[in-house]
């Protein structure tokens, strides 16, 4: 059980990360990597707090955004090859190894 102090800090952190998401949406736009990072940060807080459903939703949003960004960078018209997006891999690993759905 969380003490009042810890619970207050978690709520404070949640407000901070939710504010960061809103600022990233306004400042960088809906497809920017900064917004994906903000989703990932909030998702990590939710995951640590045991709110796995909300965390999963945000992780998946971040992954989708980063995958789309990678596809655009690797489009035939850009002349670049498709490369592994290590940020996506990191998000997946973080979620997979901490998910309540993970089997031992």
PDB file of N, CA and C in Angstrom:
ATOM      1  N   UNK A   1       0.835  -1.188   0.000  1.00  0.00           N
ATOM      2  CA  UNK A   1       0.000   0.000   0.000  1.00  0.00           C
ATOM      3  C   UNK A   1       0.876   1.247   0.000  1.00  0.00           C
ATOM      4  N   UNK A   2       0.475   2.220  -0.792  1.00  0.00           N
ATOM      5  CA  UNK A   2       1.252   3.447  -0.879  1.00  0.00           C
ATOM      6  C   UNK A   2       0.933   4.366   0.294  1.00  0.00           C
ATOM      7  N   UNK A   3       1.963   5.013   0.796  1.00  0.00           N
ATOM      8  CA  UNK A   3       1.722   6.021   1.815  1.00  0.00           C
ATOM      9  C   UNK A   3       1.168   7.254   1.131  1.00  0.00           C
ATOM     10  N   UNK A   4       0.627   8.168   1.925  1.00  0.00           N
ATOM     11  CA  UNK A   4       0.069   9.406   1.351  1.00  0.00           C
ATOM     12  C   UNK A   4       1.139  10.185   0.601  1.00  0.00           C
ATOM     13  N   UNK A   5       2.337  10.192   1.136  1.00  0.00           N
ATOM     14  CA  UNK A   5       3.427  10.927   0.494  1.00  0.00           C
ATOM     15  C   UNK A   5       3.746  10.347  -0.871  1.00  0.00           C
ATOM     16  N   UNK A   6       3.897   9.020  -0.957  1.00  0.00           N
ATOM     17  CA  UNK A   6       4.202   8.384  -2.238  1.00  0.00           C
ATOM     18  C   UNK A   6       3.060   8.562  -3.219  1.00  0.00           C
ATOM     19  N   UNK A   7       1.823   8.401  -2.723  1.00  0.00           N
ATOM     20  CA  UNK A   7       0.668   8.557  -3.602  1.00  0.00           C
ATOM     21  C   UNK A   7       0.616   9.980  -4.146  1.00  0.00           C
ATOM     22  N   UNK A   8       0.902  10.950  -3.307  1.00  0.00           N
ATOM     23  CA  UNK A   8       0.920  12.344  -3.743  1.00  0.00           C
ATOM     24  C   UNK A   8       1.969  12.594  -4.807  1.00  0.00           C
ATOM     25  N   UNK A   9       3.116  11.962  -4.666  1.00  0.00           N
ATOM     26  CA  UNK A   9       4.188  12.125  -5.651  1.00  0.00           C
ATOM     27  C   UNK A   9       3.811  11.479  -6.981  1.00  0.00           C
ATOM     28  N   UNK A  10       3.137  10.342  -6.922  1.00  0.00           N
ATOM     29  CA  UNK A  10       2.694   9.680  -8.150  1.00  0.00           C
ATOM     30  C   UNK A  10       1.668  10.558  -8.863  1.00  0.00           C
ATOM     31  N   UNK A  11       0.731  11.121  -8.107  1.00  0.00           N
ATOM     32  CA  UNK A  11      -0.270  12.000  -8.706  1.00  0.00           C
ATOM     33  C   UNK A  11       0.378  13.253  -9.295  1.00  0.00           C
ATOM     34  N   UNK A  12       1.377  13.768  -8.611  1.00  0.00           N
ATOM     35  CA  UNK A  12       2.126  14.928  -9.103  1.00  0.00           C
ATOM     36  C   UNK A  12       2.856  14.577 -10.404  1.00  0.00           C
ATOM     37  N   UNK A  13       3.476  13.415 -10.427  1.00  0.00           N
ATOM     38  CA  UNK A  13       4.183  12.960 -11.630  1.00  0.00           C
ATOM     39  C   UNK A  13       3.202  12.740 -12.777  1.00  0.00           C
ATOM     40  N   UNK A  14       2.054  12.150 -12.475  1.00  0.00           N
ATOM     41  CA  UNK A  14       1.042  11.928 -13.514  1.00  0.00           C
ATOM     42  C   UNK A  14       0.606  13.259 -14.132  1.00  0.00           C
ATOM     43  N   UNK A  15       0.348  14.250 -13.283  1.00  0.00           N
ATOM     44  CA  UNK A  15      -0.054  15.574 -13.792  1.00  0.00           C
ATOM     45  C   UNK A  15       1.041  16.166 -14.676  1.00  0.00           C
ATOM     46  N   UNK A  16       2.291  16.004 -14.264  1.00  0.00           N
ATOM     47  CA  UNK A  16       3.420  16.507 -15.045  1.00  0.00           C
ATOM     48  C   UNK A  16       3.490  15.830 -16.411  1.00  0.00           C
ATOM     49  N   UNK A  17       3.411  14.491 -16.432  1.00  0.00           N
ATOM     50  CA  UNK A  17       3.515  13.765 -17.695  1.00  0.00           C
ATOM     51  C   UNK A  17       2.306  14.009 -18.600  1.00  0.00           C
ATOM     52  N   UNK A  18       1.117  14.142 -18.014  1.00  0.00           N
ATOM     53  CA  UNK A  18      -0.065  14.460 -18.822  1.00  0.00           C
ATOM     54  C   UNK A  18       0.075  15.850 -19.443  1.00  0.00           C
ATOM     55  N   UNK A  19       0.630  16.782 -18.677  1.00  0.00           N
ATOM     56  CA  UNK A  19       0.890  18.124 -19.196  1.00  0.00           C
ATOM     57  C   UNK A  19       1.925  18.076 -20.329  1.00  0.00           C
ATOM     58  N   UNK A  20       2.934  17.248 -20.168  1.00  0.00           N
ATOM     59  CA  UNK A  20       3.962  17.109 -21.207  1.00  0.00           C
ATOM     60  C   UNK A  20       3.361  16.564 -22.497  1.00  0.00           C
ATOM     61  N   UNK A  21       2.417  15.630 -22.383  1.00  0.00           N
ATOM     62  CA  UNK A  21       1.743  15.082 -23.566  1.00  0.00           C
ATOM     63  C   UNK A  21       0.982  16.203 -24.285  1.00  0.00           C
ATOM     64  N   UNK A  22       0.245  16.998 -23.529  1.00  0.00           N
ATOM     65  CA  UNK A  22      -0.521  18.095 -24.131  1.00  0.00           C
ATOM     66  C   UNK A  22       0.388  19.119 -24.806  1.00  0.00           C
ATOM     67  N   UNK A  23       1.485  19.448 -24.141  1.00  0.00           N
ATOM     68  CA  UNK A  23       2.440  20.403 -24.712  1.00  0.00           C
ATOM     69  C   UNK A  23       3.084  19.848 -25.985  1.00  0.00           C
ATOM     70  N   UNK A  24       3.422  18.568 -25.982  1.00  0.00           N
ATOM     71  CA  UNK A  24       4.022  17.948 -27.167  1.00  0.00           C
ATOM     72  C   UNK A  24       3.026  17.914 -28.319  1.00  0.00           C
ATOM     73  N   UNK A  25       1.754  17.641 -28.020  1.00  0.00           N
ATOM     74  CA  UNK A  25       0.722  17.642 -29.062  1.00  0.00           C
ATOM     75  C   UNK A  25       0.616  19.021 -29.702  1.00  0.00           C
ATOM     76  N   UNK A  26       0.602  20.058 -28.868  1.00  0.00           N
ATOM     77  CA  UNK A  26       0.488  21.436 -29.375  1.00  0.00           C
ATOM     78  C   UNK A  26       1.757  21.888 -30.085  1.00  0.00           C
ATOM     79  N   UNK A  27       2.890  21.651 -29.445  1.00  0.00           N
ATOM     80  CA  UNK A  27       4.141  22.201 -29.943  1.00  0.00           C
ATOM     81  C   UNK A  27       4.774  21.451 -31.096  1.00  0.00           C
ATOM     82  N   UNK A  28       4.642  20.138 -31.108  1.00  0.00           N
ATOM     83  CA  UNK A  28       5.322  19.335 -32.116  1.00  0.00           C
ATOM     84  C   UNK A  28       4.392  18.715 -33.143  1.00  0.00           C
ATOM     85  N   UNK A  29       3.131  18.565 -32.799  1.00  0.00           N
ATOM     86  CA  UNK A  29       2.180  17.961 -33.722  1.00  0.00           C
ATOM     87  C   UNK A  29       1.925  16.494 -33.424  1.00  0.00           C
ATOM     88  N   UNK A  30       0.884  15.952 -34.065  1.00  0.00           N
ATOM     89  CA  UNK A  30       0.419  14.607 -33.737  1.00  0.00           C
ATOM     90  C   UNK A  30       1.296  13.458 -34.224  1.00  0.00           C
ATOM     91  N   UNK A  31       2.277  13.719 -35.057  1.00  0.00           N
ATOM     92  CA  UNK A  31       3.102  12.632 -35.591  1.00  0.00           C
ATOM     93  C   UNK A  31       4.568  12.745 -35.187  1.00  0.00           C
ATOM     94  N   UNK A  32       4.869  13.613 -34.259  1.00  0.00           N
ATOM     95  CA  UNK A  32       6.261  13.866 -33.910  1.00  0.00           C
ATOM     96  C   UNK A  32       6.793  12.863 -32.886  1.00  0.00           C
ATOM     97  N   UNK A  33       8.072  12.584 -32.976  1.00  0.00           N
ATOM     98  CA  UNK A  33       8.717  11.651 -32.053  1.00  0.00           C
ATOM     99  C   UNK A  33       8.704  12.160 -30.612  1.00  0.00           C
ATOM    100  N   UNK A  34       8.679  13.461 -30.430  1.00  0.00           N
ATOM    101  CA  UNK A  34       8.605  14.013 -29.073  1.00  0.00           C
ATOM    102  C   UNK A  34       7.294  13.612 -28.396  1.00  0.00           C
ATOM    103  N   UNK A  35       6.221  13.597 -29.163  1.00  0.00           N
ATOM    104  CA  UNK A  35       4.936  13.173 -28.622  1.00  0.00           C
ATOM    105  C   UNK A  35       4.984  11.686 -28.271  1.00  0.00           C
ATOM    106  N   UNK A  36       5.600  10.893 -29.123  1.00  0.00           N
ATOM    107  CA  UNK A  36       5.750   9.462 -28.828  1.00  0.00           C
ATOM    108  C   UNK A  36       6.537   9.268 -27.531  1.00  0.00           C
ATOM    109  N   UNK A  37       7.576  10.061 -27.333  1.00  0.00           N
ATOM    110  CA  UNK A  37       8.365   9.973 -26.102  1.00  0.00           C
ATOM    111  C   UNK A  37       7.529  10.369 -24.891  1.00  0.00           C
ATOM    112  N   UNK A  38       6.671  11.370 -25.058  1.00  0.00           N
ATOM    113  CA  UNK A  38       5.791  11.786 -23.961  1.00  0.00           C
ATOM    114  C   UNK A  38       4.796  10.684 -23.613  1.00  0.00           C
ATOM    115  N   UNK A  39       4.258  10.023 -24.647  1.00  0.00           N
ATOM    116  CA  UNK A  39       3.370   8.883 -24.401  1.00  0.00           C
ATOM    117  C   UNK A  39       4.118   7.784 -23.644  1.00  0.00           C
ATOM    118  N   UNK A  40       5.327   7.531 -24.066  1.00  0.00           N
ATOM    119  CA  UNK A  40       6.127   6.482 -23.432  1.00  0.00           C
ATOM    120  C   UNK A  40       6.399   6.815 -21.962  1.00  0.00           C
ATOM    121  N   UNK A  41       6.720   8.054 -21.666  1.00  0.00           N
ATOM    122  CA  UNK A  41       6.994   8.446 -20.285  1.00  0.00           C
ATOM    123  C   UNK A  41       5.762   8.273 -19.397  1.00  0.00           C
ATOM    124  N   UNK A  42       4.613   8.726 -19.891  1.00  0.00           N
ATOM    125  CA  UNK A  42       3.380   8.567 -19.124  1.00  0.00           C
ATOM    126  C   UNK A  42       3.037   7.088 -18.979  1.00  0.00           C
ATOM    127  N   UNK A  43       3.224   6.326 -20.031  1.00  0.00           N
ATOM    128  CA  UNK A  43       2.954   4.890 -19.978  1.00  0.00           C
ATOM    129  C   UNK A  43       3.818   4.207 -18.929  1.00  0.00           C
ATOM    130  N   UNK A  44       5.066   4.604 -18.837  1.00  0.00           N
ATOM    131  CA  UNK A  44       5.968   3.999 -17.860  1.00  0.00           C
ATOM    132  C   UNK A  44       5.492   4.289 -16.434  1.00  0.00           C
ATOM    133  N   UNK A  45       5.037   5.498 -16.189  1.00  0.00           N
ATOM    134  CA  UNK A  45       4.501   5.830 -14.869  1.00  0.00           C
ATOM    135  C   UNK A  45       3.275   4.969 -14.562  1.00  0.00           C
ATOM    136  N   UNK A  46       2.383   4.842 -15.533  1.00  0.00           N
ATOM    137  CA  UNK A  46       1.193   4.019 -15.337  1.00  0.00           C
ATOM    138  C   UNK A  46       1.569   2.564 -15.085  1.00  0.00           C
ATOM    139  N   UNK A  47       2.544   2.071 -15.839  1.00  0.00           N
ATOM    140  CA  UNK A  47       2.992   0.686 -15.665  1.00  0.00           C
ATOM    141  C   UNK A  47       3.533   0.461 -14.264  1.00  0.00           C
ATOM    142  N   UNK A  48       4.372   1.359 -13.811  1.00  0.00           N
ATOM    143  CA  UNK A  48       4.957   1.247 -12.473  1.00  0.00           C
ATOM    144  C   UNK A  48       3.861   1.295 -11.410  1.00  0.00           C
ATOM    145  N   UNK A  49       2.810   2.050 -11.694  1.00  0.00           N
ATOM    146  CA  UNK A  49       1.701   2.203 -10.754  1.00  0.00           C
ATOM    147  C   UNK A  49       0.682   1.059 -10.875  1.00  0.00           C
ATOM    148  N   UNK A  50       0.958   0.097 -11.756  1.00  0.00           N
ATOM    149  CA  UNK A  50       0.079  -1.055 -11.902  1.00  0.00           C
ATOM    150  C   UNK A  50      -1.126  -0.825 -12.790  1.00  0.00           C
ATOM    151  N   UNK A  51      -1.140   0.274 -13.526  1.00  0.00           N
ATOM    152  CA  UNK A  51      -2.254   0.591 -14.421  1.00  0.00           C
ATOM    153  C   UNK A  51      -1.903   0.105 -15.827  1.00  0.00           C
ATOM    154  N   UNK A  52      -1.920  -1.209 -15.978  1.00  0.00           N
ATOM    155  CA  UNK A  52      -1.396  -1.842 -17.183  1.00  0.00           C
ATOM    156  C   UNK A  52      -2.220  -1.549 -18.432  1.00  0.00           C
ATOM    157  N   UNK A  53      -3.530  -1.451 -18.309  1.00  0.00           N
ATOM    158  CA  UNK A  53      -4.373  -1.163 -19.473  1.00  0.00           C
ATOM    159  C   UNK A  53      -4.060   0.190 -20.078  1.00  0.00           C
ATOM    160  N   UNK A  54      -3.970   1.217 -19.230  1.00  0.00           N
ATOM    161  CA  UNK A  54      -3.632   2.553 -19.703  1.00  0.00           C
ATOM    162  C   UNK A  54      -2.223   2.628 -20.251  1.00  0.00           C
ATOM    163  N   UNK A  55      -1.305   1.918 -19.584  1.00  0.00           N
ATOM    164  CA  UNK A  55       0.088   1.901 -20.046  1.00  0.00           C
ATOM    165  C   UNK A  55       0.181   1.251 -21.411  1.00  0.00           C
ATOM    166  N   UNK A  56      -0.496   0.129 -21.574  1.00  0.00           N
ATOM    167  CA  UNK A  56      -0.450  -0.579 -22.854  1.00  0.00           C
ATOM    168  C   UNK A  56      -0.976   0.300 -23.985  1.00  0.00           C
ATOM    169  N   UNK A  57      -2.064   0.984 -23.738  1.00  0.00           N
ATOM    170  CA  UNK A  57      -2.648   1.862 -24.772  1.00  0.00           C
ATOM    171  C   UNK A  57      -1.655   2.932 -25.208  1.00  0.00           C
ATOM    172  N   UNK A  58      -0.972   3.544 -24.251  1.00  0.00           N
ATOM    173  CA  UNK A  58      -0.003   4.591 -24.584  1.00  0.00           C
ATOM    174  C   UNK A  58       1.249   4.028 -25.247  1.00  0.00           C
ATOM    175  N   UNK A  59       1.719   2.877 -24.777  1.00  0.00           N
ATOM    176  CA  UNK A  59       2.862   2.233 -25.433  1.00  0.00           C
ATOM    177  C   UNK A  59       2.537   1.946 -26.901  1.00  0.00           C
ATOM    178  N   UNK A  60       1.350   1.414 -27.142  1.00  0.00           N
ATOM    179  CA  UNK A  60       0.960   1.077 -28.515  1.00  0.00           C
ATOM    180  C   UNK A  60       0.838   2.327 -29.389  1.00  0.00           C
ATOM    181  N   UNK A  61       0.332   3.416 -28.822  1.00  0.00           N
ATOM    182  CA  UNK A  61       0.272   4.680 -29.575  1.00  0.00           C
ATOM    183  C   UNK A  61       1.676   5.141 -29.959  1.00  0.00           C
ATOM    184  N   UNK A  62       2.583   5.081 -28.987  1.00  0.00           N
ATOM    185  CA  UNK A  62       3.964   5.506 -29.244  1.00  0.00           C
ATOM    186  C   UNK A  62       4.607   4.627 -30.308  1.00  0.00           C
ATOM    187  N   UNK A  63       4.411   3.326 -30.205  1.00  0.00           N
ATOM    188  CA  UNK A  63       4.985   2.403 -31.181  1.00  0.00           C
ATOM    189  C   UNK A  63       4.440   2.691 -32.570  1.00  0.00           C
ATOM    190  N   UNK A  64       3.142   2.875 -32.678  1.00  0.00           N
ATOM    191  CA  UNK A  64       2.530   3.151 -33.979  1.00  0.00           C
ATOM    192  C   UNK A  64       3.104   4.427 -34.595  1.00  0.00           C
ATOM    193  N   UNK A  65       3.238   5.466 -33.779  1.00  0.00           N
ATOM    194  CA  UNK A  65       3.794   6.730 -34.278  1.00  0.00           C
ATOM    195  C   UNK A  65       5.221   6.543 -34.778  1.00  0.00           C
ATOM    196  N   UNK A  66       6.035   5.836 -34.006  1.00  0.00           N
ATOM    197  CA  UNK A  66       7.435   5.641 -34.386  1.00  0.00           C
ATOM    198  C   UNK A  66       7.567   4.741 -35.611  1.00  0.00           C
ATOM    199  N   UNK A  67       6.697   3.751 -35.716  1.00  0.00           N
ATOM    200  CA  UNK A  67       6.714   2.889 -36.903  1.00  0.00           C
ATOM    201  C   UNK A  67       6.360   3.699 -38.149  1.00  0.00           C
ATOM    202  N   UNK A  68       5.334   4.538 -38.058  1.00  0.00           N
ATOM    203  CA  UNK A  68       4.955   5.372 -39.201  1.00  0.00           C
ATOM    204  C   UNK A  68       6.086   6.306 -39.593  1.00  0.00           C
ATOM    205  N   UNK A  69       6.736   6.873 -38.603  1.00  0.00           N
ATOM    206  CA  UNK A  69       7.861   7.776 -38.871  1.00  0.00           C
ATOM    207  C   UNK A  69       8.988   7.014 -39.571  1.00  0.00           C
ATOM    208  N   UNK A  70       9.268   5.796 -39.122  1.00  0.00           N
ATOM    209  CA  UNK A  70      10.314   4.978 -39.749  1.00  0.00           C
ATOM    210  C   UNK A  70       9.950   4.627 -41.183  1.00  0.00           C
ATOM    211  N   UNK A  71       8.672   4.302 -41.410  1.00  0.00           N
ATOM    212  CA  UNK A  71       8.225   3.969 -42.764  1.00  0.00           C
ATOM    213  C   UNK A  71       8.370   5.166 -43.700  1.00  0.00           C
ATOM    214  N   UNK A  72       8.047   6.354 -43.202  1.00  0.00           N
ATOM    215  CA  UNK A  72       8.188   7.555 -44.035  1.00  0.00           C
ATOM    216  C   UNK A  72       9.649   7.814 -44.374  1.00  0.00           C
ATOM    217  N   UNK A  73      10.518   7.606 -43.391  1.00  0.00           N
ATOM    218  CA  UNK A  73      11.944   7.807 -43.627  1.00  0.00           C
ATOM    219  C   UNK A  73      12.497   6.782 -44.619  1.00  0.00           C
ATOM    220  N   UNK A  74      11.912   5.604 -44.627  1.00  0.00           N
ATOM    221  CA  UNK A  74      12.423   4.520 -45.468  1.00  0.00           C
ATOM    222  C   UNK A  74      11.622   4.342 -46.748  1.00  0.00           C
ATOM    223  N   UNK A  75      10.830   5.333 -47.100  1.00  0.00           N
ATOM    224  CA  UNK A  75      10.017   5.209 -48.307  1.00  0.00           C
ATOM    225  C   UNK A  75      10.914   5.160 -49.535  1.00  0.00           C
ATOM    226  N   UNK A  76      10.463   4.500 -50.593  1.00  0.00           N
ATOM    227  CA  UNK A  76      11.269   4.407 -51.813  1.00  0.00           C
ATOM    228  C   UNK A  76      11.660   5.777 -52.370  1.00  0.00           C
ATOM    229  N   UNK A  77      10.786   6.760 -52.191  1.00  0.00           N
ATOM    230  CA  UNK A  77      11.084   8.090 -52.727  1.00  0.00           C
ATOM    231  C   UNK A  77      12.201   8.789 -51.954  1.00  0.00           C
ATOM    232  N   UNK A  78      12.442   8.367 -50.706  1.00  0.00           N
ATOM    233  CA  UNK A  78      13.495   9.008 -49.919  1.00  0.00           C
ATOM    234  C   UNK A  78      14.869   8.430 -50.219  1.00  0.00           C
ATOM    235  N   UNK A  79      14.906   7.246 -50.868  1.00  0.00           N
ATOM    236  CA  UNK A  79      16.174   6.635 -51.226  1.00  0.00           C
ATOM    237  C   UNK A  79      16.911   6.009 -50.065  1.00  0.00           C
ATOM    238  N   UNK A  80      16.245   5.825 -48.922  1.00  0.00           N
ATOM    239  CA  UNK A  80      16.900   5.210 -47.775  1.00  0.00           C
ATOM    240  C   UNK A  80      16.329   3.823 -47.535  1.00  0.00           C
ATOM    241  N   UNK A  81      17.136   2.988 -46.930  1.00  0.00           N
ATOM    242  CA  UNK A  81      16.699   1.639 -46.591  1.00  0.00           C
ATOM    243  C   UNK A  81      15.879   1.667 -45.309  1.00  0.00           C
ATOM    244  N   UNK A  82      15.068   0.639 -45.154  1.00  0.00           N
ATOM    245  CA  UNK A  82      14.345   0.470 -43.896  1.00  0.00           C
ATOM    246  C   UNK A  82      15.328  -0.010 -42.843  1.00  0.00           C
ATOM    247  N   UNK A  83      15.359   0.624 -41.712  1.00  0.00           N
ATOM    248  CA  UNK A  83      16.250   0.236 -40.630  1.00  0.00           C
ATOM    249  C   UNK A  83      15.422  -0.040 -39.385  1.00  0.00           C
ATOM    250  N   UNK A  84      16.001  -0.778 -38.480  1.00  0.00           N
ATOM    251  CA  UNK A  84      15.332  -1.074 -37.220  1.00  0.00           C
ATOM    252  C   UNK A  84      15.200   0.217 -36.428  1.00  0.00           C
ATOM    253  N   UNK A  85      14.014   0.475 -35.934  1.00  0.00           N
ATOM    254  CA  UNK A  85      13.816   1.621 -35.063  1.00  0.00           C
ATOM    255  C   UNK A  85      14.036   1.119 -33.639  1.00  0.00           C
ATOM    256  N   UNK A  86      15.209   1.404 -33.100  1.00  0.00           N
ATOM    257  CA  UNK A  86      15.579   0.869 -31.792  1.00  0.00           C
ATOM    258  C   UNK A  86      14.720   1.442 -30.683  1.00  0.00           C
ATOM    259  N   UNK A  87      14.149   2.587 -30.904  1.00  0.00           N
ATOM    260  CA  UNK A  87      13.249   3.162 -29.901  1.00  0.00           C
ATOM    261  C   UNK A  87      12.005   2.291 -29.754  1.00  0.00           C
ATOM    262  N   UNK A  88      11.482   1.813 -30.885  1.00  0.00           N
ATOM    263  CA  UNK A  88      10.320   0.926 -30.857  1.00  0.00           C
ATOM    264  C   UNK A  88      10.681  -0.378 -30.151  1.00  0.00           C
ATOM    265  N   UNK A  89      11.833  -0.908 -30.461  1.00  0.00           N
ATOM    266  CA  UNK A  89      12.280  -2.145 -29.826  1.00  0.00           C
ATOM    267  C   UNK A  89      12.381  -1.949 -28.309  1.00  0.00           C
ATOM    268  N   UNK A  90      12.919  -0.828 -27.890  1.00  0.00           N
ATOM    269  CA  UNK A  90      13.045  -0.547 -26.459  1.00  0.00           C
ATOM    270  C   UNK A  90      11.698  -0.468 -25.760  1.00  0.00           C
ATOM    271  N   UNK A  91      10.737   0.177 -26.395  1.00  0.00           N
ATOM    272  CA  UNK A  91       9.399   0.285 -25.808  1.00  0.00           C
ATOM    273  C   UNK A  91       8.786  -1.101 -25.688  1.00  0.00           C
ATOM    274  N   UNK A  92       8.903  -1.887 -26.744  1.00  0.00           N
ATOM    275  CA  UNK A  92       8.338  -3.236 -26.713  1.00  0.00           C
ATOM    276  C   UNK A  92       8.960  -4.083 -25.605  1.00  0.00           C
ATOM    277  N   UNK A  93      10.267  -4.025 -25.479  1.00  0.00           N
ATOM    278  CA  UNK A  93      10.937  -4.801 -24.447  1.00  0.00           C
ATOM    279  C   UNK A  93      10.516  -4.361 -23.057  1.00  0.00           C
ATOM    280  N   UNK A  94      10.430  -3.065 -22.863  1.00  0.00           N
ATOM    281  CA  UNK A  94      10.018  -2.529 -21.566  1.00  0.00           C
ATOM    282  C   UNK A  94       8.641  -3.049 -21.202  1.00  0.00           C
ATOM    283  N   UNK A  95       7.716  -2.983 -22.144  1.00  0.00           N
ATOM    284  CA  UNK A  95       6.353  -3.414 -21.857  1.00  0.00           C
ATOM    285  C   UNK A  95       6.266  -4.926 -21.716  1.00  0.00           C
ATOM    286  N   UNK A  96       6.912  -5.646 -22.591  1.00  0.00           N
ATOM    287  CA  UNK A  96       6.814  -7.112 -22.569  1.00  0.00           C
ATOM    288  C   UNK A  96       7.354  -7.710 -21.283  1.00  0.00           C
ATOM    289  N   UNK A  97       8.456  -7.176 -20.782  1.00  0.00           N
ATOM    290  CA  UNK A  97       9.064  -7.756 -19.597  1.00  0.00           C
ATOM    291  C   UNK A  97       8.422  -7.296 -18.300  1.00  0.00           C
ATOM    292  N   UNK A  98       7.495  -6.367 -18.385  1.00  0.00           N
ATOM    293  CA  UNK A  98       6.848  -5.906 -17.161  1.00  0.00           C
ATOM    294  C   UNK A  98       5.340  -6.097 -17.204  1.00  0.00           C
ATOM    295  N   UNK A  99       4.841  -6.644 -18.268  1.00  0.00           N
ATOM    296  CA  UNK A  99       3.402  -6.793 -18.464  1.00  0.00           C
ATOM    297  C   UNK A  99       2.824  -7.851 -17.534  1.00  0.00           C
ATOM    298  N   UNK A 100       1.610  -7.602 -17.037  1.00  0.00           N
ATOM    299  CA  UNK A 100       0.962  -8.628 -16.224  1.00  0.00           C
ATOM    300  C   UNK A 100       0.535  -9.830 -17.066  1.00  0.00           C
ATOM    301  N   UNK A 101       0.563  -9.655 -18.384  1.00  0.00           N
ATOM    302  CA  UNK A 101       0.157 -10.730 -19.294  1.00  0.00           C
ATOM    303  C   UNK A 101       1.315 -11.670 -19.595  1.00  0.00           C
ATOM    304  N   UNK A 102       2.497 -11.300 -19.184  1.00  0.00           N
ATOM    305  CA  UNK A 102       3.690 -12.095 -19.461  1.00  0.00           C
ATOM    306  C   UNK A 102       3.619 -13.398 -18.684  1.00  0.00           C
ATOM    307  N   UNK A 103       3.978 -14.452 -19.359  1.00  0.00           N
ATOM    308  CA  UNK A 103       4.022 -15.746 -18.676  1.00  0.00           C
ATOM    309  C   UNK A 103       5.453 -16.053 -18.292  1.00  0.00           C
ATOM    310  N   UNK A 104       5.652 -16.674 -17.151  1.00  0.00           N
ATOM    311  CA  UNK A 104       7.030 -16.949 -16.683  1.00  0.00           C
ATOM    312  C   UNK A 104       7.750 -17.944 -17.564  1.00  0.00           C
TER     313      UNK A 104
END
